[in-house]
Amino acid sequence: MEQINHVSVDKKTGIATVGGGTVYERLINATYAAGREMTVGSCWCVGVLGAALGGGHGRLQGLHGMSIDSIRRLRVVLASGKVINVSEKKNEDLFWGIRGAGQNFGVVVEADFQTAPQVPQGLQYDVEMQFAGDKLERVFDLMNQQIKAPLPPQLAVNIIFGANVTTLKASGTTAYKKSPRSDGQRWSAPWKQLGPITYVETMYNWSELPFKTANGLIAAQCLKYGYKNTYSVNLATFNTATMRSVYTSWGTFLAANPNVNASTVLFEVYGQQAVRAAPENGSAFPNRFTSTILTVVTSWYTEPSLSQTVDTWTSGVRAQMQRTSGYDKLHVYQNYGHAEPPQAFYGYEAWRLPRLRALKRKYDPLNIFGAYHPVTV
């Protein structure tokens, strides 16, 4: 698939045609050169279609929706070897299911995405901040206030626990179209008033963002480093007592296991406006109203004997956050999933899994494509 990495952008229609093996870096560079933008993931090395078929959260989703909301056509190789086009007008049933559960039905070798005109000069405001650990409650209280306000559609915020267990990092990126720096500063002013240890403002263009935002910690996820164990949970709000407990546990965990000090706890907060404007039943993606905060606990380690220790801590801290998530059930972005019940990422509504199972019986009855979060029949 890595060889199917073509990207082209039609400047008249704004349609980006993307090969099935293309990574985000190539797509971002092509759209930036064409004066266009779309919702993409934060990690430059991730496959465009792999991420998009699971939903495709990203910085610009408040403006443009998730990646699946931009898909206009998919070219799919079925288990039978047949090649079909999938869109709103062709194989419409599969178009519903493949957007949100796409890995279950075939190999997508090409896709068309609708892009949008980019902000002026493609420039976006970014602020990188580091706070002392004793500011944790104030940081999460402020984030809760801004989520409730609500968060502007142009804004994306990351809060990160990293190797320095005495601090926490926050990163904000805005894509305002008229005055990105001054508009961004209006958002970041309350953060500056909290008294961060460091506070660095920069204007980045669209193609730089994946490498430079969040102090480079998200880009570092693309490094090949030992073993990786990830658990995730969606939150409606930050429970500050839970966040303090997780932060304390994080420091204890790293101190007791120095081999895992490349690990991170990442909280992704994105605008929700365009995501929630799309019909809830318009695709197989179910969590449009239960993805306010995406939490990703990623443990990296090189010593295989730590496997059980890492899994026990990582799954345990996920369970702790889920208890005060603000949602009555476990909701997980399936691209961050880890063997959860299928309802967590395919939806709890009584009709969703039966509809996916009917599609599975039609398009992949022998379960050739059942390696990741399978839809069982």
Protein backbone atom coordinates (compact mmCIF):
# COMPACT_ATOMS: atom_id res chain seq x y z
CA MET A 1 0.00 0.00 0.00
CA GLU A 2 2.89 2.40 0.63
CA GLN A 3 3.42 2.63 -3.13
CA ILE A 4 -0.16 3.82 -3.71
CA ASN A 5 0.69 7.26 -2.40
CA HIS A 6 -0.44 9.67 -5.11
CA VAL A 7 -2.08 12.99 -4.22
CA SER A 8 -3.60 15.54 -6.57
CA VAL A 9 -5.76 18.59 -5.86
CA ASP A 10 -8.19 19.98 -8.41
CA LYS A 11 -7.95 23.74 -7.92
CA LYS A 12 -11.36 24.35 -9.50
CA THR A 13 -13.39 21.92 -7.42
CA GLY A 14 -11.10 21.63 -4.40
CA ILE A 15 -11.28 17.84 -4.60
CA ALA A 16 -8.14 16.08 -3.30
CA THR A 17 -7.65 12.61 -4.76
CA VAL A 18 -5.56 10.46 -2.45
CA GLY A 19 -4.01 7.03 -2.90
CA GLY A 20 -4.77 4.41 -0.28
CA GLY A 21 -1.20 4.31 1.05
CA THR A 22 -0.71 8.07 1.37
CA VAL A 23 0.41 9.45 4.73
CA TYR A 24 -0.77 12.77 6.12
CA GLU A 25 2.50 14.56 5.39
CA ARG A 26 2.03 14.15 1.62
CA LEU A 27 -1.61 15.22 1.74
CA ILE A 28 -0.87 18.26 3.91
CA ASN A 29 1.94 19.42 1.63
CA ALA A 30 -0.23 19.00 -1.48
CA THR A 31 -3.24 20.84 -0.06
CA TYR A 32 -1.07 23.63 1.33
CA ALA A 33 0.59 24.12 -2.06
CA ALA A 34 -2.86 24.33 -3.66
CA GLY A 35 -4.14 26.90 -1.14
CA ARG A 36 -6.55 24.43 0.43
CA GLU A 37 -7.11 22.84 3.84
CA MET A 38 -9.13 20.03 5.42
CA THR A 39 -9.36 18.17 8.70
CA VAL A 40 -6.38 15.87 9.14
CA GLY A 41 -4.89 14.05 12.10
CA SER A 42 -2.03 15.43 14.14
CA CYS A 43 0.61 12.78 13.39
CA TRP A 44 2.31 13.30 10.02
CA CYS A 45 3.17 9.60 9.52
CA VAL A 46 -0.35 8.19 9.85
CA GLY A 47 -2.09 6.84 6.76
CA VAL A 48 -4.80 9.19 5.51
CA LEU A 49 -7.33 6.48 4.75
CA GLY A 50 -6.56 4.41 7.81
CA ALA A 51 -7.35 7.38 10.03
CA ALA A 52 -10.23 8.76 7.97
CA LEU A 53 -12.20 5.51 7.79
CA GLY A 54 -12.30 5.41 11.60
CA GLY A 55 -13.69 8.96 11.74
CA GLY A 56 -10.78 11.33 11.38
CA HIS A 57 -10.70 13.78 14.27
CA GLY A 58 -8.35 16.75 13.90
CA ARG A 59 -7.57 20.40 14.55
CA LEU A 60 -9.92 21.85 11.94
CA GLN A 61 -12.94 19.66 12.67
CA GLY A 62 -14.86 22.53 14.26
CA LEU A 63 -14.76 24.28 10.87
CA HIS A 64 -14.87 21.40 8.38
CA GLY A 65 -16.13 18.36 10.28
CA MET A 66 -14.16 15.16 10.62
CA SER A 67 -12.30 13.55 7.74
CA ILE A 68 -15.23 11.24 6.96
CA ASP A 69 -17.42 14.30 6.43
CA SER A 70 -15.18 15.38 3.56
CA ILE A 71 -15.16 12.04 1.73
CA ARG A 72 -16.93 12.19 -1.64
CA ARG A 73 -15.82 8.92 -3.29
CA LEU A 74 -13.95 5.75 -2.36
CA ARG A 75 -12.52 3.09 -4.67
CA VAL A 76 -12.67 -0.23 -2.84
CA VAL A 77 -11.29 -3.70 -3.54
CA LEU A 78 -13.64 -6.26 -2.01
CA ALA A 79 -12.64 -9.69 -0.69
CA SER A 80 -13.97 -11.21 -3.93
CA GLY A 81 -11.45 -9.14 -5.92
CA LYS A 82 -14.16 -6.94 -7.37
CA VAL A 83 -13.33 -3.22 -7.53
CA ILE A 84 -16.19 -0.81 -6.89
CA ASN A 85 -16.75 2.91 -6.45
CA VAL A 86 -18.54 3.93 -3.27
CA SER A 87 -20.30 7.28 -2.83
CA GLU A 88 -23.65 8.83 -1.96
CA LYS A 89 -24.91 7.64 -5.37
CA LYS A 90 -23.07 4.34 -5.82
CA ASN A 91 -23.19 1.49 -3.31
CA GLU A 92 -24.78 3.90 -0.87
CA ASP A 93 -25.18 1.29 1.85
CA LEU A 94 -21.45 0.69 1.94
CA PHE A 95 -20.79 4.44 1.84
CA TRP A 96 -22.65 4.65 5.15
CA GLY A 97 -20.75 1.78 6.78
CA ILE A 98 -17.26 2.35 5.45
CA ARG A 99 -17.21 5.83 6.99
CA GLY A 100 -16.63 4.84 10.59
CA ALA A 101 -16.05 1.09 10.27
CA GLY A 102 -14.15 1.00 6.98
CA GLN A 103 -11.51 -1.58 7.80
CA ASN A 104 -14.21 -4.27 7.92
CA PHE A 105 -15.25 -4.28 4.27
CA GLY A 106 -12.33 -4.08 1.86
CA VAL A 107 -9.16 -2.28 0.82
CA VAL A 108 -9.60 1.38 -0.09
CA VAL A 109 -7.12 2.14 -2.85
CA GLU A 110 -8.23 5.71 -3.59
CA ALA A 111 -10.46 8.40 -2.15
CA ASP A 112 -11.72 11.87 -3.04
CA PHE A 113 -11.95 14.48 -0.29
CA GLN A 114 -13.60 17.88 -0.50
CA THR A 115 -11.15 20.53 0.72
CA ALA A 116 -11.79 24.16 1.69
CA PRO A 117 -9.93 27.41 0.98
CA GLN A 118 -7.19 27.82 3.57
CA VAL A 119 -6.87 30.69 6.01
CA PRO A 120 -4.87 33.69 4.68
CA GLN A 121 -1.38 32.57 3.64
CA GLY A 122 -2.12 29.29 5.37
CA LEU A 123 -0.89 30.81 8.64
CA GLN A 124 -2.18 29.69 12.02
CA TYR A 125 -1.46 31.03 15.47
CA ASP A 126 0.19 28.64 17.92
CA VAL A 127 1.09 29.08 21.58
CA GLU A 128 3.20 26.57 23.50
CA MET A 129 2.95 26.70 27.30
CA GLN A 130 4.42 24.83 30.23
CA PHE A 131 2.89 25.01 33.70
CA ALA A 132 4.16 23.96 37.10
CA GLY A 133 2.34 20.96 38.50
CA ASP A 134 0.71 23.02 41.23
CA LYS A 135 -1.24 24.89 38.53
CA LEU A 136 -2.96 21.69 37.34
CA GLU A 137 -6.39 22.45 38.80
CA ARG A 138 -6.38 25.98 37.38
CA VAL A 139 -5.34 24.69 33.94
CA PHE A 140 -8.16 22.16 33.77
CA ASP A 141 -10.71 24.55 35.29
CA LEU A 142 -9.88 27.10 32.57
CA MET A 143 -10.13 24.44 29.87
CA ASN A 144 -13.55 23.41 31.21
CA GLN A 145 -14.70 27.02 31.11
CA GLN A 146 -13.58 27.43 27.50
CA ILE A 147 -15.22 24.16 26.45
CA LYS A 148 -18.48 25.30 28.01
CA ALA A 149 -18.26 28.77 26.38
CA PRO A 150 -18.10 26.91 23.85
CA LEU A 151 -14.69 26.40 22.28
CA PRO A 152 -14.46 28.35 19.00
CA PRO A 153 -14.59 26.14 15.88
CA GLN A 154 -11.17 27.45 14.80
CA LEU A 155 -9.42 26.26 17.96
CA ALA A 156 -7.54 23.10 18.94
CA VAL A 157 -5.92 22.53 22.33
CA ASN A 158 -3.62 19.77 23.55
CA ILE A 159 -2.73 19.20 27.20
CA ILE A 160 0.09 16.74 27.81
CA PHE A 161 1.72 14.92 30.72
CA GLY A 162 5.26 14.03 29.62
CA ALA A 163 8.57 12.83 30.98
CA ASN A 164 8.98 15.86 33.27
CA VAL A 165 6.54 14.85 35.98
CA THR A 166 6.77 18.21 37.77
CA THR A 167 5.12 20.10 34.89
CA LEU A 168 2.36 19.79 32.32
CA LYS A 169 2.29 21.21 28.81
CA ALA A 170 -0.51 22.92 26.91
CA SER A 171 -0.61 23.85 23.25
CA GLY A 172 -3.24 25.92 21.46
CA THR A 173 -3.60 26.34 17.68
CA THR A 174 -6.10 28.67 16.03
CA ALA A 175 -7.13 29.06 12.39
CA TYR A 176 -8.89 32.43 12.36
CA LYS A 177 -9.33 33.75 8.84
CA LYS A 178 -9.03 37.51 9.34
CA SER A 179 -6.44 38.20 12.07
CA PRO A 180 -5.06 34.86 13.23
CA ARG A 181 -2.51 36.31 15.68
CA SER A 182 -4.70 38.89 17.41
CA ASP A 183 -7.76 36.61 17.45
CA GLY A 184 -5.63 33.78 18.82
CA GLN A 185 -4.22 36.03 21.52
CA ARG A 186 -7.73 36.86 22.71
CA TRP A 187 -8.20 33.16 23.35
CA SER A 188 -4.78 32.61 24.94
CA ALA A 189 -4.83 35.70 27.22
CA PRO A 190 -6.50 33.85 30.16
CA TRP A 191 -3.87 31.12 29.87
CA LYS A 192 -1.10 33.68 30.09
CA GLN A 193 -2.72 35.06 33.24
CA LEU A 194 -2.26 31.65 34.90
CA GLY A 195 1.49 32.34 34.97
CA PRO A 196 3.06 29.59 32.84
CA ILE A 197 6.75 28.77 33.21
CA THR A 198 7.14 29.21 29.46
CA TYR A 199 4.84 30.91 26.95
CA VAL A 200 5.93 30.95 23.29
CA GLU A 201 3.77 32.37 20.48
CA THR A 202 4.49 31.52 16.84
CA MET A 203 2.78 31.72 13.46
CA TYR A 204 3.06 28.42 11.58
CA ASN A 205 1.89 27.59 8.09
CA TRP A 206 -0.37 24.63 7.39
CA SER A 207 2.49 22.32 6.38
CA GLU A 208 4.53 23.03 9.53
CA LEU A 209 1.85 22.29 12.11
CA PRO A 210 2.29 18.50 12.38
CA PHE A 211 5.96 18.87 13.25
CA LYS A 212 6.07 21.92 15.52
CA THR A 213 2.92 22.14 17.59
CA ALA A 214 2.61 20.58 21.05
CA ASN A 215 6.35 21.10 21.53
CA GLY A 216 6.95 18.36 18.96
CA LEU A 217 5.61 15.68 21.32
CA ILE A 218 2.86 14.57 18.95
CA ALA A 219 5.28 14.33 16.01
CA ALA A 220 7.50 12.20 18.24
CA GLN A 221 4.74 9.55 18.26
CA CYS A 222 5.90 8.72 14.72
CA LEU A 223 9.30 7.55 15.95
CA LYS A 224 9.86 3.79 15.97
CA TYR A 225 10.56 3.05 19.61
CA GLY A 226 10.21 -0.32 21.32
CA TYR A 227 6.77 -1.45 22.45
CA LYS A 228 3.61 0.61 22.61
CA ASN A 229 0.48 0.19 24.72
CA THR A 230 -2.40 2.64 24.27
CA TYR A 231 -5.74 3.07 26.01
CA SER A 232 -8.24 5.83 25.34
CA VAL A 233 -11.45 7.26 26.70
CA ASN A 234 -13.68 10.15 25.63
CA LEU A 235 -14.53 12.75 28.26
CA ALA A 236 -17.33 15.30 28.41
CA THR A 237 -15.45 17.42 30.94
CA PHE A 238 -12.32 17.36 33.07
CA ASN A 239 -12.89 16.23 36.66
CA THR A 240 -10.06 18.11 38.36
CA ALA A 241 -9.79 15.68 41.28
CA THR A 242 -9.39 12.82 38.82
CA MET A 243 -6.84 14.78 36.80
CA ARG A 244 -4.81 15.42 39.97
CA SER A 245 -4.96 11.73 40.86
CA VAL A 246 -3.90 10.67 37.35
CA TYR A 247 -1.06 13.21 37.37
CA THR A 248 0.21 11.94 40.73
CA SER A 249 -0.09 8.32 39.62
CA TRP A 250 1.73 9.22 36.41
CA GLY A 251 4.71 10.56 38.33
CA THR A 252 4.82 7.48 40.56
CA PHE A 253 4.56 5.16 37.55
CA LEU A 254 7.45 6.81 35.69
CA ALA A 255 9.62 6.96 38.82
CA ALA A 256 9.12 3.25 39.44
CA ASN A 257 9.64 2.30 35.78
CA PRO A 258 12.26 4.56 34.13
CA ASN A 259 12.06 2.46 30.97
CA VAL A 260 8.65 4.00 30.18
CA ASN A 261 9.76 7.64 30.37
CA ALA A 262 9.03 8.24 26.67
CA SER A 263 5.32 7.80 27.44
CA THR A 264 2.61 10.48 27.36
CA VAL A 265 -0.90 11.22 28.55
CA LEU A 266 -2.54 13.38 25.88
CA PHE A 267 -5.83 15.27 26.07
CA GLU A 268 -7.11 16.52 22.69
CA VAL A 269 -9.77 19.24 22.73
CA TYR A 270 -11.19 20.32 19.37
CA GLY A 271 -14.05 22.48 18.17
CA GLN A 272 -17.30 20.52 17.83
CA GLN A 273 -19.54 22.75 15.70
CA ALA A 274 -19.18 21.14 12.25
CA VAL A 275 -18.87 17.65 13.74
CA ARG A 276 -22.22 17.95 15.47
CA ALA A 277 -23.88 19.66 12.52
CA ALA A 278 -23.60 16.46 10.47
CA PRO A 279 -26.47 13.95 10.80
CA GLU A 280 -25.92 11.48 13.65
CA ASN A 281 -27.21 8.61 11.51
CA GLY A 282 -25.39 9.71 8.35
CA SER A 283 -22.48 7.31 8.79
CA ALA A 284 -21.30 4.42 10.94
CA PHE A 285 -19.40 6.85 13.18
CA PRO A 286 -21.54 7.10 16.35
CA ASN A 287 -19.84 9.45 18.79
CA ARG A 288 -20.45 12.93 17.39
CA PHE A 289 -21.90 14.13 20.71
CA THR A 290 -19.68 12.03 22.99
CA SER A 291 -16.19 13.07 21.87
CA THR A 292 -15.69 16.46 23.51
CA ILE A 293 -12.27 15.44 24.87
CA LEU A 294 -10.16 12.63 23.42
CA THR A 295 -7.82 11.10 25.99
CA VAL A 296 -4.87 9.00 24.82
CA VAL A 297 -2.67 7.23 27.37
CA THR A 298 0.35 5.89 25.50
CA SER A 299 3.04 3.87 27.24
CA TRP A 300 6.28 3.35 25.32
CA TYR A 301 8.88 0.92 26.64
CA THR A 302 11.78 -1.22 25.39
CA GLU A 303 11.89 -3.92 28.06
CA PRO A 304 9.34 -6.65 27.22
CA SER A 305 9.22 -7.85 30.83
CA LEU A 306 7.31 -4.66 31.65
CA SER A 307 4.38 -5.62 29.43
CA GLN A 308 1.99 -6.66 32.20
CA THR A 309 3.01 -3.80 34.50
CA VAL A 310 2.42 -1.29 31.71
CA ASP A 311 -0.93 -2.77 30.73
CA THR A 312 -2.16 -2.86 34.32
CA TRP A 313 -1.31 0.79 34.92
CA THR A 314 -2.48 2.08 31.52
CA SER A 315 -5.82 0.26 31.58
CA GLY A 316 -6.32 1.18 35.22
CA VAL A 317 -5.87 4.89 34.69
CA ARG A 318 -8.25 4.73 31.71
CA ALA A 319 -10.86 3.08 33.93
CA GLN A 320 -10.35 5.77 36.55
CA MET A 321 -10.97 8.57 34.04
CA GLN A 322 -13.97 6.80 32.57
CA ARG A 323 -15.71 6.75 35.96
CA THR A 324 -15.78 10.57 36.03
CA SER A 325 -15.93 11.11 32.26
CA GLY A 326 -19.32 12.81 32.30
CA TYR A 327 -20.74 10.09 30.03
CA ASP A 328 -22.81 7.18 31.33
CA LYS A 329 -21.07 4.65 29.07
CA LEU A 330 -17.57 4.03 27.74
CA HIS A 331 -17.01 5.91 24.48
CA VAL A 332 -13.73 5.50 22.57
CA TYR A 333 -12.43 6.86 19.27
CA GLN A 334 -11.85 3.58 17.48
CA ASN A 335 -8.51 4.69 16.00
CA TYR A 336 -7.26 4.84 19.60
CA GLY A 337 -9.07 1.68 20.66
CA HIS A 338 -7.76 -1.28 22.65
CA ALA A 339 -10.09 -4.29 22.55
CA GLU A 340 -13.10 -2.47 24.02
CA PRO A 341 -16.66 -3.75 23.51
CA PRO A 342 -17.66 -2.86 19.93
CA GLN A 343 -20.43 -0.55 21.16
CA ALA A 344 -17.76 1.80 22.57
CA PHE A 345 -16.71 2.81 19.05
CA TYR A 346 -19.59 1.57 16.85
CA GLY A 347 -22.40 2.92 19.03
CA TYR A 348 -24.88 1.77 21.66
CA GLU A 349 -28.04 2.46 19.65
CA ALA A 350 -29.92 -0.79 19.09
CA TRP A 351 -29.88 -0.42 15.29
CA ARG A 352 -26.20 0.35 14.66
CA LEU A 353 -24.44 -3.03 15.06
CA PRO A 354 -27.20 -4.97 13.23
CA ARG A 355 -26.86 -2.58 10.28
CA LEU A 356 -23.08 -3.07 10.23
CA ARG A 357 -23.49 -6.85 10.47
CA ALA A 358 -25.84 -6.85 7.50
CA LEU A 359 -23.22 -4.97 5.48
CA LYS A 360 -20.56 -7.42 6.62
CA ARG A 361 -22.63 -10.37 5.42
CA LYS A 362 -23.13 -8.67 2.06
CA TYR A 363 -19.62 -7.41 1.33
CA ASP A 364 -17.29 -9.66 3.38
CA PRO A 365 -19.18 -12.80 4.40
CA LEU A 366 -15.97 -14.81 4.97
CA ASN A 367 -14.57 -12.15 7.31
CA ILE A 368 -11.40 -11.65 5.30
CA PHE A 369 -11.19 -8.14 6.76
CA GLY A 370 -11.57 -8.86 10.45
CA ALA A 371 -8.20 -8.09 11.99
CA TYR A 372 -9.03 -4.80 13.73
CA HIS A 373 -12.19 -4.08 15.72
CA PRO A 374 -14.11 -6.66 13.71
CA VAL A 375 -17.81 -6.50 13.04
CA THR A 376 -18.77 -10.08 13.85
CA VAL A 377 -21.63 -11.92 12.14
